[in-house]
Amino acid sequence: MKAVEFEATMSQGGEIVLPAEFLAEIPAGQQLKVVVMWETGSVDAAWRAAGRLRFEEAYSAEDVIYDQLIDETPGR
């Protein structure tokens, strides 16, 4: 099985156009398996919030020493 990946935009009529360079490779009448992926803002925000929560849960009071080290400027 061959696979290609490309970016496209769906038209108002629900059509997705294959780039010309791939059309020449696919024999007419060939059965295709299609996977469509798109970004959703709400899913991205949920993942970011979950990741931030996990990060903050791992942060302990003892870790404040690292914040102090970052804020110090070299005395040279």
N, C-alpha and C. Protein backbone atom coordinates (compact mmCIF):
# COMPACT_ATOMS: atom_id res chain seq x y z
N MET A 1 0.86 -1.17 0.00
CA MET A 1 0.00 0.00 0.00
C MET A 1 0.90 1.23 0.00
N LYS A 2 0.61 2.18 -0.87
CA LYS A 2 1.33 3.45 -0.91
C LYS A 2 0.53 4.49 -0.16
N ALA A 3 1.21 5.49 0.34
CA ALA A 3 0.54 6.57 1.05
C ALA A 3 1.18 7.90 0.66
N VAL A 4 0.37 8.94 0.63
CA VAL A 4 0.85 10.30 0.39
C VAL A 4 0.24 11.20 1.45
N GLU A 5 0.92 12.27 1.75
CA GLU A 5 0.41 13.25 2.71
C GLU A 5 0.51 14.63 2.07
N PHE A 6 -0.54 15.40 2.21
CA PHE A 6 -0.55 16.75 1.66
C PHE A 6 -1.56 17.57 2.44
N GLU A 7 -1.44 18.88 2.34
CA GLU A 7 -2.41 19.77 2.97
C GLU A 7 -3.37 20.27 1.91
N ALA A 8 -4.62 20.39 2.28
CA ALA A 8 -5.66 20.85 1.37
C ALA A 8 -6.74 21.57 2.17
N THR A 9 -7.63 22.20 1.46
CA THR A 9 -8.77 22.87 2.08
C THR A 9 -10.04 22.29 1.48
N MET A 10 -11.03 22.05 2.32
CA MET A 10 -12.29 21.53 1.84
C MET A 10 -13.13 22.69 1.28
N SER A 11 -13.71 22.47 0.11
CA SER A 11 -14.55 23.50 -0.50
C SER A 11 -15.90 23.57 0.20
N GLN A 12 -16.66 24.60 -0.10
CA GLN A 12 -18.01 24.75 0.46
C GLN A 12 -18.89 23.55 0.09
N GLY A 13 -18.61 22.92 -1.05
CA GLY A 13 -19.37 21.77 -1.49
C GLY A 13 -18.89 20.46 -0.90
N GLY A 14 -17.88 20.51 -0.04
CA GLY A 14 -17.38 19.31 0.61
C GLY A 14 -16.36 18.54 -0.20
N GLU A 15 -15.73 19.18 -1.16
CA GLU A 15 -14.75 18.49 -2.00
C GLU A 15 -13.32 18.82 -1.55
N ILE A 16 -12.46 17.82 -1.61
CA ILE A 16 -11.04 17.99 -1.35
C ILE A 16 -10.31 17.61 -2.63
N VAL A 17 -9.50 18.51 -3.13
CA VAL A 17 -8.81 18.28 -4.39
C VAL A 17 -7.43 17.68 -4.13
N LEU A 18 -7.14 16.57 -4.82
CA LEU A 18 -5.82 15.96 -4.73
C LEU A 18 -4.85 16.76 -5.58
N PRO A 19 -3.64 17.00 -5.09
CA PRO A 19 -2.64 17.71 -5.89
C PRO A 19 -2.33 16.93 -7.17
N ALA A 20 -2.06 17.64 -8.24
CA ALA A 20 -1.83 17.04 -9.56
C ALA A 20 -0.70 16.02 -9.54
N GLU A 21 0.35 16.27 -8.75
CA GLU A 21 1.48 15.34 -8.75
C GLU A 21 1.10 13.96 -8.20
N PHE A 22 0.04 13.87 -7.40
CA PHE A 22 -0.41 12.58 -6.89
C PHE A 22 -1.43 11.94 -7.82
N LEU A 23 -2.17 12.74 -8.54
CA LEU A 23 -3.18 12.19 -9.47
C LEU A 23 -2.54 11.28 -10.51
N ALA A 24 -1.35 11.62 -10.97
CA ALA A 24 -0.67 10.82 -11.98
C ALA A 24 -0.25 9.46 -11.43
N GLU A 25 -0.05 9.35 -10.12
CA GLU A 25 0.41 8.10 -9.51
C GLU A 25 -0.72 7.12 -9.22
N ILE A 26 -1.95 7.62 -9.11
CA ILE A 26 -3.07 6.77 -8.69
C ILE A 26 -3.83 6.29 -9.92
N PRO A 27 -3.87 4.98 -10.15
CA PRO A 27 -4.60 4.46 -11.31
C PRO A 27 -6.10 4.77 -11.21
N ALA A 28 -6.72 5.09 -12.32
CA ALA A 28 -8.17 5.36 -12.35
C ALA A 28 -8.93 4.14 -11.86
N GLY A 29 -9.95 4.36 -11.05
CA GLY A 29 -10.77 3.28 -10.53
C GLY A 29 -10.18 2.59 -9.31
N GLN A 30 -9.02 3.03 -8.86
CA GLN A 30 -8.35 2.41 -7.70
C GLN A 30 -9.14 2.73 -6.42
N GLN A 31 -9.34 1.70 -5.59
CA GLN A 31 -9.98 1.89 -4.29
C GLN A 31 -9.02 2.65 -3.39
N LEU A 32 -9.49 3.68 -2.69
CA LEU A 32 -8.65 4.50 -1.82
C LEU A 32 -9.11 4.43 -0.37
N LYS A 33 -8.17 4.53 0.53
CA LYS A 33 -8.48 4.67 1.96
C LYS A 33 -8.14 6.11 2.30
N VAL A 34 -9.09 6.85 2.85
CA VAL A 34 -8.91 8.27 3.10
C VAL A 34 -9.00 8.55 4.60
N VAL A 35 -8.03 9.28 5.12
CA VAL A 35 -8.02 9.75 6.51
C VAL A 35 -7.97 11.26 6.45
N VAL A 36 -8.90 11.91 7.13
CA VAL A 36 -8.96 13.36 7.14
C VAL A 36 -8.71 13.84 8.57
N MET A 37 -7.75 14.74 8.74
CA MET A 37 -7.43 15.29 10.06
C MET A 37 -7.48 16.81 9.98
N TRP A 38 -7.97 17.42 11.04
CA TRP A 38 -8.00 18.87 11.09
C TRP A 38 -7.83 19.32 12.53
N GLU A 39 -7.36 20.55 12.69
CA GLU A 39 -7.13 21.12 14.00
C GLU A 39 -8.43 21.70 14.55
N THR A 40 -8.62 21.51 15.83
CA THR A 40 -9.74 22.16 16.50
C THR A 40 -9.18 22.93 17.67
N GLY A 41 -9.55 24.18 17.78
CA GLY A 41 -9.03 25.04 18.83
C GLY A 41 -9.37 24.53 20.22
N SER A 42 -10.55 24.00 20.42
CA SER A 42 -10.94 23.55 21.75
C SER A 42 -10.15 22.33 22.19
N VAL A 43 -9.82 21.45 21.29
CA VAL A 43 -9.03 20.27 21.64
C VAL A 43 -7.62 20.72 22.01
N ASP A 44 -7.05 21.64 21.24
CA ASP A 44 -5.72 22.14 21.53
C ASP A 44 -5.67 22.80 22.90
N ALA A 45 -6.66 23.60 23.21
CA ALA A 45 -6.71 24.27 24.51
C ALA A 45 -6.83 23.26 25.65
N ALA A 46 -7.61 22.21 25.44
CA ALA A 46 -7.78 21.18 26.46
C ALA A 46 -6.46 20.44 26.71
N TRP A 47 -5.74 20.12 25.63
CA TRP A 47 -4.45 19.44 25.78
C TRP A 47 -3.46 20.33 26.51
N ARG A 48 -3.44 21.61 26.17
CA ARG A 48 -2.52 22.53 26.84
C ARG A 48 -2.84 22.64 28.33
N ALA A 49 -4.12 22.75 28.65
CA ALA A 49 -4.53 22.86 30.05
C ALA A 49 -4.16 21.59 30.82
N ALA A 50 -4.37 20.43 30.23
CA ALA A 50 -4.03 19.17 30.89
C ALA A 50 -2.52 19.06 31.09
N GLY A 51 -1.75 19.46 30.09
CA GLY A 51 -0.29 19.43 30.21
C GLY A 51 0.21 20.38 31.28
N ARG A 52 -0.37 21.57 31.33
CA ARG A 52 0.02 22.55 32.35
C ARG A 52 -0.30 22.02 33.75
N LEU A 53 -1.47 21.39 33.90
CA LEU A 53 -1.86 20.83 35.20
C LEU A 53 -0.87 19.75 35.64
N ARG A 54 -0.51 18.85 34.72
CA ARG A 54 0.45 17.79 35.06
C ARG A 54 1.80 18.38 35.46
N PHE A 55 2.23 19.41 34.74
CA PHE A 55 3.50 20.05 35.05
C PHE A 55 3.45 20.68 36.45
N GLU A 56 2.39 21.39 36.73
CA GLU A 56 2.27 22.07 38.02
C GLU A 56 2.13 21.08 39.18
N GLU A 57 1.51 19.94 38.94
CA GLU A 57 1.39 18.93 39.99
C GLU A 57 2.76 18.37 40.39
N ALA A 58 3.69 18.34 39.44
CA ALA A 58 5.02 17.79 39.72
C ALA A 58 5.93 18.82 40.39
N TYR A 59 5.55 20.08 40.39
CA TYR A 59 6.35 21.15 40.99
C TYR A 59 6.16 21.13 42.50
N SER A 60 7.26 21.13 43.24
CA SER A 60 7.15 21.09 44.70
C SER A 60 7.75 22.36 45.31
N ALA A 61 7.53 22.56 46.58
CA ALA A 61 8.03 23.75 47.27
C ALA A 61 9.56 23.82 47.21
N GLU A 62 10.22 22.68 47.22
CA GLU A 62 11.68 22.66 47.14
C GLU A 62 12.21 23.16 45.80
N ASP A 63 11.38 23.13 44.77
CA ASP A 63 11.81 23.55 43.44
C ASP A 63 12.00 25.06 43.33
N VAL A 64 11.57 25.82 44.32
CA VAL A 64 11.70 27.27 44.27
C VAL A 64 13.17 27.69 44.19
N ILE A 65 14.09 26.86 44.66
CA ILE A 65 15.52 27.17 44.58
C ILE A 65 15.95 27.38 43.14
N TYR A 66 15.36 26.63 42.21
CA TYR A 66 15.72 26.79 40.80
C TYR A 66 15.25 28.14 40.26
N ASP A 67 14.10 28.60 40.71
CA ASP A 67 13.62 29.91 40.30
C ASP A 67 14.59 30.98 40.78
N GLN A 68 15.10 30.84 42.00
CA GLN A 68 16.04 31.82 42.55
C GLN A 68 17.36 31.80 41.75
N LEU A 69 17.82 30.62 41.37
CA LEU A 69 19.06 30.53 40.59
C LEU A 69 18.91 31.18 39.22
N ILE A 70 17.76 31.02 38.60
CA ILE A 70 17.52 31.62 37.29
C ILE A 70 17.50 33.14 37.38
N ASP A 71 16.92 33.67 38.47
CA ASP A 71 16.78 35.11 38.62
C ASP A 71 18.07 35.81 39.01
N GLU A 72 19.04 35.07 39.55
CA GLU A 72 20.30 35.68 39.97
C GLU A 72 21.14 36.00 38.74
N THR A 73 21.78 37.18 38.77
CA THR A 73 22.71 37.53 37.70
C THR A 73 24.12 37.26 38.17
N PRO A 74 25.00 36.84 37.29
CA PRO A 74 26.38 36.57 37.69
C PRO A 74 27.02 37.83 38.27
N GLY A 75 27.83 37.66 39.31
CA GLY A 75 28.46 38.78 39.98
C GLY A 75 29.80 39.17 39.40
N ARG A 76 30.13 38.72 38.25
CA ARG A 76 31.44 39.02 37.67
C ARG A 76 31.46 40.31 36.94
